[in-house]
């Protein structure tokens, strides 16, 4: 079986198990999503979702965030970890969106990654979820599951992203990433994958080697 064939089987298997491939971060608009994604670094989405309601209630627009006292944002997001760097990035990214992009969240990778605190993972999430463009969000679940399946042989996020861009149908790539997150939480759990319960065990390289 080729990697391409295995990738297509994985797409269909996860689509069947998780027909609703929604982002697990709660956000009502692009600004909220990019901020929530920045907060999710080294933090669970569940924790971020507990913190953002108060944050988004107090700061509603890009102008609100750009004018915010960094120390106040630090207090609100403290439990997300790395709160000082995250608070500073949120304020600075909003200032740059106002100065360089008319107060809007950019719609392309180069502009998105020019924002403070925004790397390729965040940029791809925005491009896929907000702008409907093909995107591969190389988070820890996707990297782990892709390696176990035998689709990639690297833990480097950029290499995984580039390889999956070659293997996945463009129109399926973004949803596949969301489904891998769901699958990584309930079945292919880090360090203790439940291979017997997995919808991909018939073609997963790791399952076949057990």
N, C-alpha and C. Protein backbone atom coordinates (compact mmCIF):
# COMPACT_ATOMS: atom_id res chain seq x y z
N UNK A 1 0.85 -1.20 0.00
CA UNK A 1 0.00 0.00 0.00
C UNK A 1 0.88 1.25 0.00
N UNK A 2 0.58 2.18 -0.88
CA UNK A 2 1.35 3.41 -0.93
C UNK A 2 0.90 4.37 0.17
N UNK A 3 1.73 5.35 0.45
CA UNK A 3 1.36 6.36 1.45
C UNK A 3 0.13 7.14 1.01
N UNK A 4 0.03 7.37 -0.29
CA UNK A 4 -1.13 8.10 -0.82
C UNK A 4 -2.40 7.30 -0.59
N UNK A 5 -2.34 6.01 -0.85
CA UNK A 5 -3.51 5.15 -0.64
C UNK A 5 -3.89 5.10 0.84
N UNK A 6 -2.88 5.01 1.69
CA UNK A 6 -3.14 4.98 3.13
C UNK A 6 -3.75 6.30 3.60
N UNK A 7 -3.27 7.39 3.06
CA UNK A 7 -3.81 8.70 3.42
C UNK A 7 -5.28 8.83 3.04
N UNK A 8 -5.63 8.35 1.86
CA UNK A 8 -7.03 8.41 1.42
C UNK A 8 -7.93 7.53 2.28
N UNK A 9 -7.43 6.38 2.69
CA UNK A 9 -8.19 5.52 3.58
C UNK A 9 -8.40 6.20 4.94
N UNK A 10 -7.36 6.87 5.41
CA UNK A 10 -7.46 7.58 6.70
C UNK A 10 -8.48 8.70 6.62
N UNK A 11 -8.47 9.43 5.53
CA UNK A 11 -9.43 10.52 5.34
C UNK A 11 -10.86 9.99 5.45
N UNK A 12 -11.13 8.91 4.74
CA UNK A 12 -12.49 8.37 4.72
C UNK A 12 -12.89 7.76 6.06
N UNK A 13 -11.95 7.08 6.71
CA UNK A 13 -12.26 6.45 7.99
C UNK A 13 -12.60 7.49 9.05
N UNK A 14 -11.81 8.56 9.11
CA UNK A 14 -12.07 9.60 10.10
C UNK A 14 -13.30 10.42 9.75
N UNK A 15 -13.57 10.56 8.48
CA UNK A 15 -14.77 11.29 8.06
C UNK A 15 -16.02 10.53 8.52
N UNK A 16 -15.96 9.23 8.45
CA UNK A 16 -17.10 8.41 8.89
C UNK A 16 -17.28 8.50 10.40
N UNK A 17 -16.17 8.46 11.13
CA UNK A 17 -16.26 8.49 12.60
C UNK A 17 -16.61 9.87 13.13
N UNK A 18 -16.07 10.90 12.48
CA UNK A 18 -16.28 12.28 12.94
C UNK A 18 -16.85 13.12 11.80
N UNK A 19 -18.12 12.96 11.51
CA UNK A 19 -18.70 13.70 10.38
C UNK A 19 -18.65 15.22 10.56
N UNK A 20 -18.69 15.67 11.81
CA UNK A 20 -18.60 17.11 12.09
C UNK A 20 -17.18 17.44 12.52
N UNK A 21 -16.41 18.01 11.62
CA UNK A 21 -14.99 18.27 11.90
C UNK A 21 -14.79 19.71 12.34
N UNK A 22 -15.29 20.03 13.50
CA UNK A 22 -15.25 21.41 13.96
C UNK A 22 -13.99 21.68 14.78
N UNK A 23 -13.50 22.90 14.68
CA UNK A 23 -12.39 23.34 15.51
C UNK A 23 -12.84 23.30 16.96
N UNK A 24 -11.98 22.82 17.85
CA UNK A 24 -12.37 22.68 19.25
C UNK A 24 -12.18 23.95 20.06
N UNK A 25 -11.68 25.01 19.44
CA UNK A 25 -11.60 26.31 20.11
C UNK A 25 -12.88 27.10 19.85
N UNK A 26 -13.44 27.67 20.89
CA UNK A 26 -14.67 28.45 20.73
C UNK A 26 -14.34 29.87 20.29
N UNK A 27 -14.91 30.28 19.18
CA UNK A 27 -14.68 31.63 18.67
C UNK A 27 -15.82 32.02 17.75
N UNK A 28 -16.18 33.29 17.80
CA UNK A 28 -17.31 33.77 17.00
C UNK A 28 -16.88 34.54 15.76
N UNK A 29 -15.59 34.84 15.64
CA UNK A 29 -15.11 35.59 14.49
C UNK A 29 -13.61 35.36 14.31
N UNK A 30 -13.05 35.79 13.19
CA UNK A 30 -11.62 35.54 12.94
C UNK A 30 -10.69 36.11 14.01
N UNK A 31 -11.01 37.28 14.53
CA UNK A 31 -10.16 37.87 15.57
C UNK A 31 -10.13 36.98 16.82
N UNK A 32 -11.29 36.53 17.24
CA UNK A 32 -11.34 35.66 18.41
C UNK A 32 -10.59 34.35 18.15
N UNK A 33 -10.69 33.82 16.95
CA UNK A 33 -10.04 32.55 16.65
C UNK A 33 -8.52 32.68 16.67
N UNK A 34 -7.99 33.75 16.10
CA UNK A 34 -6.53 33.88 16.08
C UNK A 34 -5.99 34.11 17.49
N UNK A 35 -6.74 34.82 18.32
CA UNK A 35 -6.33 35.03 19.71
C UNK A 35 -6.43 33.73 20.50
N UNK A 36 -7.52 33.01 20.33
CA UNK A 36 -7.67 31.73 21.03
C UNK A 36 -6.59 30.74 20.63
N UNK A 37 -6.23 30.76 19.36
CA UNK A 37 -5.19 29.85 18.88
C UNK A 37 -3.84 30.21 19.49
N UNK A 38 -3.57 31.50 19.62
CA UNK A 38 -2.31 31.91 20.29
C UNK A 38 -2.31 31.43 21.74
N UNK A 39 -3.44 31.51 22.40
CA UNK A 39 -3.52 31.07 23.79
C UNK A 39 -3.35 29.56 23.93
N UNK A 40 -3.66 28.82 22.87
CA UNK A 40 -3.64 27.36 22.95
C UNK A 40 -2.24 26.76 22.92
N UNK A 41 -1.22 27.57 22.63
CA UNK A 41 0.15 27.04 22.61
C UNK A 41 0.52 26.54 24.00
N UNK A 42 0.97 25.29 24.09
CA UNK A 42 1.35 24.66 25.35
C UNK A 42 0.20 24.71 26.37
N UNK A 43 -1.03 24.62 25.86
CA UNK A 43 -2.20 24.67 26.72
C UNK A 43 -3.33 23.90 26.05
N UNK A 44 -4.19 23.29 26.82
CA UNK A 44 -5.30 22.55 26.23
C UNK A 44 -6.37 23.49 25.69
N UNK A 45 -7.04 23.05 24.65
CA UNK A 45 -8.15 23.84 24.12
C UNK A 45 -9.25 24.01 25.17
N UNK A 46 -9.44 22.99 25.98
CA UNK A 46 -10.47 23.07 27.02
C UNK A 46 -10.18 24.20 27.99
N UNK A 47 -8.92 24.36 28.37
CA UNK A 47 -8.54 25.44 29.27
C UNK A 47 -8.74 26.79 28.59
N UNK A 48 -8.35 26.88 27.33
CA UNK A 48 -8.52 28.14 26.59
C UNK A 48 -10.00 28.52 26.55
N UNK A 49 -10.84 27.54 26.32
CA UNK A 49 -12.29 27.82 26.24
C UNK A 49 -12.88 28.27 27.57
N UNK A 50 -12.21 27.97 28.66
CA UNK A 50 -12.66 28.46 29.96
C UNK A 50 -12.25 29.92 30.19
N UNK A 51 -11.16 30.30 29.54
CA UNK A 51 -10.58 31.63 29.75
C UNK A 51 -11.15 32.68 28.79
N UNK A 52 -11.39 32.30 27.55
CA UNK A 52 -11.75 33.29 26.54
C UNK A 52 -13.10 33.99 26.73
N UNK A 53 -14.11 33.39 27.34
CA UNK A 53 -15.35 34.15 27.50
C UNK A 53 -15.15 35.49 28.22
N UNK A 54 -14.41 35.48 29.32
CA UNK A 54 -14.16 36.72 30.05
C UNK A 54 -13.30 37.68 29.23
N UNK A 55 -12.33 37.13 28.52
CA UNK A 55 -11.45 37.96 27.69
C UNK A 55 -12.23 38.64 26.58
N UNK A 56 -13.07 37.87 25.89
CA UNK A 56 -13.81 38.42 24.75
C UNK A 56 -15.00 39.29 25.19
N UNK A 57 -15.42 39.13 26.41
CA UNK A 57 -16.46 40.00 26.93
C UNK A 57 -15.90 41.39 27.21
N UNK A 58 -14.68 41.43 27.68
CA UNK A 58 -14.06 42.72 28.02
C UNK A 58 -13.48 43.42 26.79
N UNK A 59 -12.87 42.63 25.92
CA UNK A 59 -12.22 43.18 24.71
C UNK A 59 -12.93 42.62 23.49
N UNK A 60 -13.66 43.47 22.79
CA UNK A 60 -14.54 42.99 21.72
C UNK A 60 -14.00 43.22 20.31
N UNK A 61 -13.14 44.22 20.14
CA UNK A 61 -12.66 44.57 18.80
C UNK A 61 -11.14 44.57 18.76
N UNK A 62 -10.61 44.61 17.55
CA UNK A 62 -9.16 44.67 17.40
C UNK A 62 -8.62 45.95 18.03
N UNK A 63 -9.39 47.02 17.96
CA UNK A 63 -8.97 48.27 18.59
C UNK A 63 -8.94 48.14 20.12
N UNK A 64 -9.90 47.42 20.68
CA UNK A 64 -9.91 47.19 22.13
C UNK A 64 -8.62 46.48 22.57
N UNK A 65 -8.27 45.43 21.84
CA UNK A 65 -7.07 44.67 22.20
C UNK A 65 -5.80 45.49 22.00
N UNK A 66 -5.75 46.26 20.92
CA UNK A 66 -4.56 47.06 20.65
C UNK A 66 -4.32 48.11 21.72
N UNK A 67 -5.39 48.58 22.32
CA UNK A 67 -5.28 49.62 23.36
C UNK A 67 -5.23 49.04 24.76
N UNK A 68 -5.28 47.74 24.88
CA UNK A 68 -5.39 47.10 26.18
C UNK A 68 -4.10 47.22 26.99
N UNK A 69 -4.24 47.20 28.30
CA UNK A 69 -3.12 47.11 29.21
C UNK A 69 -2.68 45.64 29.24
N UNK A 70 -1.43 45.41 28.85
CA UNK A 70 -0.93 44.03 28.78
C UNK A 70 -1.10 43.32 30.13
N UNK A 71 -0.88 44.05 31.21
CA UNK A 71 -0.99 43.45 32.54
C UNK A 71 -2.40 42.96 32.83
N UNK A 72 -3.39 43.65 32.31
CA UNK A 72 -4.78 43.23 32.52
C UNK A 72 -5.06 41.94 31.76
N UNK A 73 -4.57 41.86 30.53
CA UNK A 73 -4.76 40.63 29.76
C UNK A 73 -4.02 39.48 30.44
N UNK A 74 -2.85 39.76 30.98
CA UNK A 74 -2.10 38.73 31.71
C UNK A 74 -2.94 38.13 32.83
N UNK A 75 -3.64 38.96 33.56
CA UNK A 75 -4.47 38.48 34.68
C UNK A 75 -5.58 37.56 34.18
N UNK A 76 -6.19 37.92 33.06
CA UNK A 76 -7.32 37.14 32.56
C UNK A 76 -6.87 35.78 32.02
N UNK A 77 -5.70 35.76 31.35
CA UNK A 77 -5.25 34.53 30.68
C UNK A 77 -4.22 33.76 31.49
N UNK A 78 -4.01 34.15 32.73
CA UNK A 78 -2.94 33.60 33.55
C UNK A 78 -2.90 32.07 33.55
N UNK A 79 -4.05 31.44 33.63
CA UNK A 79 -4.09 29.98 33.75
C UNK A 79 -3.73 29.25 32.47
N UNK A 80 -3.57 29.98 31.36
CA UNK A 80 -3.20 29.35 30.09
C UNK A 80 -1.71 29.06 29.99
N UNK A 81 -0.93 29.59 30.93
CA UNK A 81 0.51 29.38 30.87
C UNK A 81 1.18 30.34 29.90
N UNK A 82 2.46 30.62 30.15
CA UNK A 82 3.23 31.55 29.31
C UNK A 82 2.44 32.83 29.07
N UNK A 83 1.74 33.25 30.13
CA UNK A 83 0.76 34.33 29.98
C UNK A 83 1.38 35.67 29.62
N UNK A 84 2.62 35.91 30.07
CA UNK A 84 3.24 37.20 29.75
C UNK A 84 3.53 37.32 28.26
N UNK A 85 4.13 36.30 27.69
CA UNK A 85 4.45 36.32 26.25
C UNK A 85 3.17 36.36 25.42
N UNK A 86 2.17 35.58 25.85
CA UNK A 86 0.92 35.52 25.10
C UNK A 86 0.18 36.86 25.14
N UNK A 87 0.14 37.48 26.30
CA UNK A 87 -0.55 38.77 26.42
C UNK A 87 0.13 39.83 25.56
N UNK A 88 1.45 39.86 25.60
CA UNK A 88 2.19 40.83 24.79
C UNK A 88 1.93 40.59 23.31
N UNK A 89 1.97 39.32 22.89
CA UNK A 89 1.74 39.00 21.47
C UNK A 89 0.34 39.42 21.02
N UNK A 90 -0.65 39.18 21.86
CA UNK A 90 -2.03 39.53 21.50
C UNK A 90 -2.17 41.02 21.25
N UNK A 91 -1.62 41.82 22.13
CA UNK A 91 -1.69 43.27 21.95
C UNK A 91 -0.91 43.71 20.72
N UNK A 92 0.29 43.17 20.55
CA UNK A 92 1.12 43.58 19.41
C UNK A 92 0.56 43.11 18.08
N UNK A 93 -0.02 41.90 18.05
CA UNK A 93 -0.59 41.42 16.78
C UNK A 93 -1.78 42.29 16.37
N UNK A 94 -2.55 42.74 17.35
CA UNK A 94 -3.69 43.60 17.04
C UNK A 94 -3.25 44.98 16.57
N UNK A 95 -2.20 45.49 17.17
CA UNK A 95 -1.64 46.76 16.70
C UNK A 95 -1.18 46.64 15.25
N UNK A 96 -0.53 45.53 14.91
CA UNK A 96 -0.03 45.33 13.55
C UNK A 96 -1.17 45.12 12.57
N UNK A 97 -2.23 44.43 13.01
CA UNK A 97 -3.38 44.26 12.12
C UNK A 97 -3.99 45.62 11.77
N UNK A 98 -4.01 46.53 12.73
CA UNK A 98 -4.55 47.87 12.47
C UNK A 98 -3.62 48.66 11.56
N UNK A 99 -2.32 48.62 11.84
CA UNK A 99 -1.38 49.44 11.08
C UNK A 99 -1.11 48.91 9.68
N UNK A 100 -1.13 47.58 9.53
CA UNK A 100 -0.72 46.99 8.24
C UNK A 100 -1.85 46.36 7.44
N UNK A 101 -2.93 45.97 8.09
CA UNK A 101 -3.96 45.18 7.40
C UNK A 101 -5.37 45.72 7.61
N UNK A 102 -5.48 46.99 7.87
CA UNK A 102 -6.80 47.62 7.98
C UNK A 102 -7.66 47.09 9.10
N UNK A 103 -7.03 46.54 10.13
CA UNK A 103 -7.79 46.02 11.26
C UNK A 103 -8.39 44.65 11.02
N UNK A 104 -8.01 44.00 9.92
CA UNK A 104 -8.56 42.69 9.59
C UNK A 104 -7.53 41.58 9.81
N UNK A 105 -8.00 40.40 10.06
CA UNK A 105 -7.12 39.23 10.13
C UNK A 105 -6.70 38.89 8.71
N UNK A 106 -5.41 38.85 8.41
CA UNK A 106 -4.94 38.57 7.04
C UNK A 106 -5.44 37.23 6.51
N UNK A 107 -5.42 37.11 5.18
CA UNK A 107 -5.95 35.91 4.54
C UNK A 107 -4.90 35.09 3.81
N UNK A 108 -3.61 35.34 4.09
CA UNK A 108 -2.57 34.55 3.44
C UNK A 108 -1.44 34.27 4.42
N UNK A 109 -0.68 33.23 4.13
CA UNK A 109 0.31 32.71 5.06
C UNK A 109 1.39 33.74 5.38
N UNK A 110 1.90 34.42 4.39
CA UNK A 110 2.98 35.38 4.63
C UNK A 110 2.54 36.51 5.56
N UNK A 111 1.38 37.06 5.30
CA UNK A 111 0.89 38.15 6.15
C UNK A 111 0.55 37.66 7.55
N UNK A 112 -0.05 36.50 7.63
CA UNK A 112 -0.41 35.96 8.95
C UNK A 112 0.84 35.72 9.80
N UNK A 113 1.86 35.11 9.20
CA UNK A 113 3.06 34.80 9.98
C UNK A 113 3.92 36.03 10.26
N UNK A 114 3.55 37.16 9.69
CA UNK A 114 4.25 38.41 10.03
C UNK A 114 3.72 39.00 11.33
N UNK A 115 2.60 38.47 11.82
CA UNK A 115 2.02 38.96 13.07
C UNK A 115 2.77 38.38 14.27
N UNK A 116 3.00 39.17 15.30
CA UNK A 116 3.67 38.65 16.50
C UNK A 116 2.95 37.44 17.09
N UNK A 117 3.72 36.38 17.36
CA UNK A 117 3.15 35.20 17.99
C UNK A 117 2.43 34.25 17.06
N UNK A 118 2.40 34.56 15.77
CA UNK A 118 1.68 33.70 14.82
C UNK A 118 2.67 32.90 13.98
N UNK A 119 2.65 31.58 14.18
CA UNK A 119 3.49 30.69 13.38
C UNK A 119 2.66 29.99 12.31
N UNK A 120 3.25 29.03 11.67
CA UNK A 120 2.57 28.34 10.56
C UNK A 120 1.33 27.59 11.03
N UNK A 121 1.39 27.01 12.23
CA UNK A 121 0.22 26.25 12.72
C UNK A 121 -1.00 27.16 12.86
N UNK A 122 -0.81 28.28 13.52
CA UNK A 122 -1.90 29.24 13.68
C UNK A 122 -2.35 29.78 12.33
N UNK A 123 -1.39 30.13 11.50
CA UNK A 123 -1.72 30.69 10.18
C UNK A 123 -2.54 29.72 9.35
N UNK A 124 -2.15 28.45 9.36
CA UNK A 124 -2.88 27.45 8.59
C UNK A 124 -4.29 27.23 9.13
N UNK A 125 -4.43 27.30 10.45
CA UNK A 125 -5.77 27.16 11.04
C UNK A 125 -6.68 28.28 10.57
N UNK A 126 -6.17 29.51 10.56
CA UNK A 126 -6.96 30.65 10.10
C UNK A 126 -7.29 30.51 8.62
N UNK A 127 -6.30 30.13 7.83
CA UNK A 127 -6.54 30.00 6.38
C UNK A 127 -7.58 28.93 6.08
N UNK A 128 -7.55 27.84 6.85
CA UNK A 128 -8.51 26.77 6.61
C UNK A 128 -9.88 27.06 7.16
N UNK A 129 -9.95 27.47 8.42
CA UNK A 129 -11.24 27.64 9.09
C UNK A 129 -11.94 28.94 8.72
N UNK A 130 -11.17 29.99 8.52
CA UNK A 130 -11.78 31.29 8.24
C UNK A 130 -11.95 31.52 6.74
N UNK A 131 -10.92 31.21 5.99
CA UNK A 131 -10.93 31.56 4.57
C UNK A 131 -11.14 30.37 3.63
N UNK A 132 -11.35 29.18 4.20
CA UNK A 132 -11.70 28.01 3.39
C UNK A 132 -10.64 27.57 2.42
N UNK A 133 -9.39 27.85 2.72
CA UNK A 133 -8.30 27.45 1.84
C UNK A 133 -7.71 26.12 2.32
N UNK A 134 -7.15 25.33 1.41
CA UNK A 134 -6.49 24.08 1.83
C UNK A 134 -5.38 24.40 2.83
N UNK A 135 -5.34 23.67 3.92
CA UNK A 135 -4.35 23.95 4.96
C UNK A 135 -4.10 22.71 5.80
N UNK A 136 -2.87 22.56 6.25
CA UNK A 136 -2.49 21.46 7.14
C UNK A 136 -1.99 22.06 8.44
N UNK A 137 -2.74 21.83 9.51
CA UNK A 137 -2.39 22.37 10.83
C UNK A 137 -1.61 21.29 11.58
N UNK A 138 -0.29 21.43 11.61
CA UNK A 138 0.58 20.39 12.17
C UNK A 138 0.70 20.52 13.68
N UNK A 139 -0.36 20.12 14.37
CA UNK A 139 -0.30 20.13 15.83
C UNK A 139 0.18 18.76 16.32
N UNK A 140 0.29 18.61 17.63
CA UNK A 140 0.88 17.39 18.18
C UNK A 140 0.08 16.13 17.83
N UNK A 141 -1.25 16.24 17.81
CA UNK A 141 -2.07 15.07 17.48
C UNK A 141 -1.83 14.64 16.03
N UNK A 142 -1.85 15.59 15.13
CA UNK A 142 -1.65 15.27 13.71
C UNK A 142 -0.28 14.66 13.49
N UNK A 143 0.74 15.23 14.10
CA UNK A 143 2.10 14.73 13.92
C UNK A 143 2.21 13.30 14.44
N UNK A 144 1.68 13.05 15.62
CA UNK A 144 1.77 11.71 16.20
C UNK A 144 1.00 10.69 15.37
N UNK A 145 -0.24 11.00 15.01
CA UNK A 145 -1.07 10.05 14.28
C UNK A 145 -0.52 9.80 12.88
N UNK A 146 -0.04 10.82 12.23
CA UNK A 146 0.52 10.66 10.88
C UNK A 146 1.74 9.75 10.90
N UNK A 147 2.54 9.86 11.96
CA UNK A 147 3.71 8.99 12.09
C UNK A 147 3.28 7.55 12.37
N UNK A 148 2.31 7.37 13.26
CA UNK A 148 1.85 6.02 13.57
C UNK A 148 1.23 5.35 12.35
N UNK A 149 0.48 6.11 11.59
CA UNK A 149 -0.15 5.56 10.38
C UNK A 149 0.88 5.14 9.34
N UNK A 150 2.02 5.81 9.36
CA UNK A 150 3.03 5.54 8.34
C UNK A 150 2.98 6.52 7.18
N UNK A 151 2.31 7.64 7.39
CA UNK A 151 2.22 8.67 6.35
C UNK A 151 3.48 9.53 6.31
N UNK A 152 4.08 9.72 7.47
CA UNK A 152 5.30 10.53 7.57
C UNK A 152 6.27 9.82 8.50
N UNK A 153 7.52 10.24 8.45
CA UNK A 153 8.53 9.69 9.35
C UNK A 153 9.35 10.83 9.93
N UNK A 154 8.65 11.82 10.44
CA UNK A 154 9.31 12.99 11.01
C UNK A 154 8.40 13.60 12.07
N UNK A 155 9.02 14.20 13.07
CA UNK A 155 8.27 14.94 14.08
C UNK A 155 8.41 16.44 13.89
N UNK A 156 9.09 16.82 12.83
CA UNK A 156 9.24 18.24 12.53
C UNK A 156 7.95 18.78 11.91
N UNK A 157 7.32 19.76 12.54
CA UNK A 157 6.02 20.25 12.05
C UNK A 157 6.03 20.68 10.59
N UNK A 158 7.09 21.36 10.16
CA UNK A 158 7.14 21.84 8.78
C UNK A 158 7.22 20.67 7.80
N UNK A 159 8.06 19.68 8.11
CA UNK A 159 8.19 18.52 7.22
C UNK A 159 6.88 17.73 7.15
N UNK A 160 6.22 17.59 8.31
CA UNK A 160 4.93 16.89 8.32
C UNK A 160 3.91 17.65 7.49
N UNK A 161 3.87 18.96 7.66
CA UNK A 161 2.93 19.79 6.88
C UNK A 161 3.17 19.63 5.38
N UNK A 162 4.42 19.72 4.97
CA UNK A 162 4.74 19.64 3.53
C UNK A 162 4.39 18.26 2.96
N UNK A 163 4.69 17.21 3.73
CA UNK A 163 4.40 15.86 3.22
C UNK A 163 2.90 15.62 3.14
N UNK A 164 2.16 16.05 4.13
CA UNK A 164 0.71 15.84 4.09
C UNK A 164 0.05 16.69 3.01
N UNK A 165 0.63 17.81 2.68
CA UNK A 165 0.12 18.60 1.55
C UNK A 165 0.22 17.81 0.25
N UNK A 166 1.23 16.94 0.17
CA UNK A 166 1.39 16.09 -1.01
C UNK A 166 0.43 14.91 -1.01
N UNK A 167 0.11 14.40 0.17
CA UNK A 167 -0.66 13.16 0.28
C UNK A 167 -2.17 13.38 0.37
N UNK A 168 -2.59 14.46 1.00
CA UNK A 168 -4.03 14.66 1.24
C UNK A 168 -4.70 15.42 0.11
N UNK A 169 -5.93 15.06 -0.24
CA UNK A 169 -6.69 15.89 -1.19
C UNK A 169 -6.83 17.30 -0.59
N UNK A 170 -6.54 18.34 -1.34
CA UNK A 170 -6.58 19.70 -0.79
C UNK A 170 -7.89 20.05 -0.09
N UNK A 171 -8.98 19.60 -0.67
CA UNK A 171 -10.28 19.94 -0.11
C UNK A 171 -10.58 19.19 1.20
N UNK A 172 -9.76 18.18 1.52
CA UNK A 172 -9.97 17.40 2.74
C UNK A 172 -8.96 17.72 3.83
N UNK A 173 -7.91 18.46 3.49
CA UNK A 173 -6.78 18.59 4.40
C UNK A 173 -7.14 19.25 5.73
N UNK A 174 -7.88 20.35 5.68
CA UNK A 174 -8.20 21.06 6.91
C UNK A 174 -9.08 20.22 7.84
N UNK A 175 -10.11 19.61 7.28
CA UNK A 175 -11.00 18.77 8.09
C UNK A 175 -10.27 17.55 8.65
N UNK A 176 -9.36 16.99 7.87
CA UNK A 176 -8.57 15.85 8.33
C UNK A 176 -7.79 16.21 9.59
N UNK A 177 -7.23 17.39 9.61
CA UNK A 177 -6.47 17.84 10.78
C UNK A 177 -7.37 17.94 12.01
N UNK A 178 -8.55 18.52 11.86
CA UNK A 178 -9.47 18.62 12.99
C UNK A 178 -9.88 17.23 13.48
N UNK A 179 -10.10 16.33 12.55
CA UNK A 179 -10.52 14.97 12.93
C UNK A 179 -9.39 14.23 13.64
N UNK A 180 -8.16 14.50 13.26
CA UNK A 180 -7.03 13.87 13.95
C UNK A 180 -6.94 14.35 15.40
N UNK A 181 -7.27 15.59 15.64
CA UNK A 181 -7.29 16.11 17.01
C UNK A 181 -8.33 15.35 17.83
N UNK A 182 -9.53 15.20 17.27
CA UNK A 182 -10.59 14.46 17.97
C UNK A 182 -10.17 13.01 18.21
N UNK A 183 -9.59 12.40 17.19
CA UNK A 183 -9.17 11.00 17.29
C UNK A 183 -8.04 10.84 18.30
N UNK A 184 -7.15 11.82 18.34
CA UNK A 184 -6.03 11.75 19.27
C UNK A 184 -6.45 11.90 20.71
N UNK A 185 -7.60 12.49 20.93
CA UNK A 185 -8.09 12.67 22.30
C UNK A 185 -8.86 11.46 22.80
N UNK A 186 -9.60 10.81 21.90
CA UNK A 186 -10.46 9.74 22.42
C UNK A 186 -10.00 8.32 22.05
N UNK A 187 -9.12 8.16 21.09
CA UNK A 187 -8.71 6.81 20.70
C UNK A 187 -7.19 6.67 20.58
N UNK A 188 -6.59 7.45 19.71
CA UNK A 188 -5.14 7.35 19.52
C UNK A 188 -4.44 8.27 20.51
N UNK A 189 -4.58 7.91 21.78
CA UNK A 189 -4.08 8.75 22.87
C UNK A 189 -2.56 8.62 22.97
N UNK A 190 -1.90 9.70 23.22
CA UNK A 190 -0.44 9.70 23.30
C UNK A 190 0.06 8.69 24.34
N UNK A 191 0.93 7.79 23.90
CA UNK A 191 1.53 6.82 24.81
C UNK A 191 0.69 5.59 25.08
N UNK A 192 -0.59 5.66 24.74
CA UNK A 192 -1.48 4.51 25.00
C UNK A 192 -2.60 4.45 23.96
N UNK A 193 -2.23 4.31 22.69
CA UNK A 193 -3.25 4.24 21.64
C UNK A 193 -4.13 3.00 21.78
N UNK A 194 -5.42 3.19 21.59
CA UNK A 194 -6.37 2.08 21.70
C UNK A 194 -6.56 1.46 20.32
N UNK A 195 -5.54 0.73 19.88
CA UNK A 195 -5.53 0.21 18.51
C UNK A 195 -6.70 -0.73 18.21
N UNK A 196 -7.11 -1.49 19.20
CA UNK A 196 -8.21 -2.44 18.97
C UNK A 196 -9.51 -1.73 18.66
N UNK A 197 -9.65 -0.48 19.13
CA UNK A 197 -10.88 0.28 18.91
C UNK A 197 -10.78 1.23 17.72
N UNK A 198 -9.62 1.30 17.11
CA UNK A 198 -9.36 2.33 16.10
C UNK A 198 -9.96 1.99 14.73
N UNK A 199 -10.59 2.97 14.12
CA UNK A 199 -11.21 2.76 12.81
C UNK A 199 -10.16 2.67 11.71
N UNK A 200 -8.90 2.89 12.04
CA UNK A 200 -7.83 2.83 11.03
C UNK A 200 -6.87 1.67 11.25
N UNK A 201 -7.21 0.75 12.17
CA UNK A 201 -6.25 -0.31 12.50
C UNK A 201 -5.99 -1.28 11.35
N UNK A 202 -6.89 -1.33 10.38
CA UNK A 202 -6.68 -2.27 9.27
C UNK A 202 -5.57 -1.83 8.33
N UNK A 203 -5.23 -0.55 8.36
CA UNK A 203 -4.20 -0.05 7.45
C UNK A 203 -3.13 0.79 8.16
N UNK A 204 -3.24 0.88 9.47
CA UNK A 204 -2.26 1.66 10.24
C UNK A 204 -0.96 0.85 10.40
N UNK A 205 0.15 1.48 10.09
CA UNK A 205 1.44 0.80 10.17
C UNK A 205 1.76 0.39 11.61
N UNK A 206 1.50 1.26 12.56
CA UNK A 206 1.77 0.95 13.95
C UNK A 206 0.93 -0.23 14.44
N UNK A 207 -0.36 -0.24 14.09
CA UNK A 207 -1.24 -1.34 14.53
C UNK A 207 -0.80 -2.67 13.94
N UNK A 208 -0.33 -2.64 12.72
CA UNK A 208 0.07 -3.89 12.06
C UNK A 208 1.37 -4.46 12.62
N UNK A 209 2.14 -3.62 13.29
CA UNK A 209 3.43 -4.05 13.84
C UNK A 209 3.31 -4.52 15.29
N UNK A 210 2.14 -4.34 15.90
CA UNK A 210 1.97 -4.72 17.30
C UNK A 210 1.87 -6.25 17.46
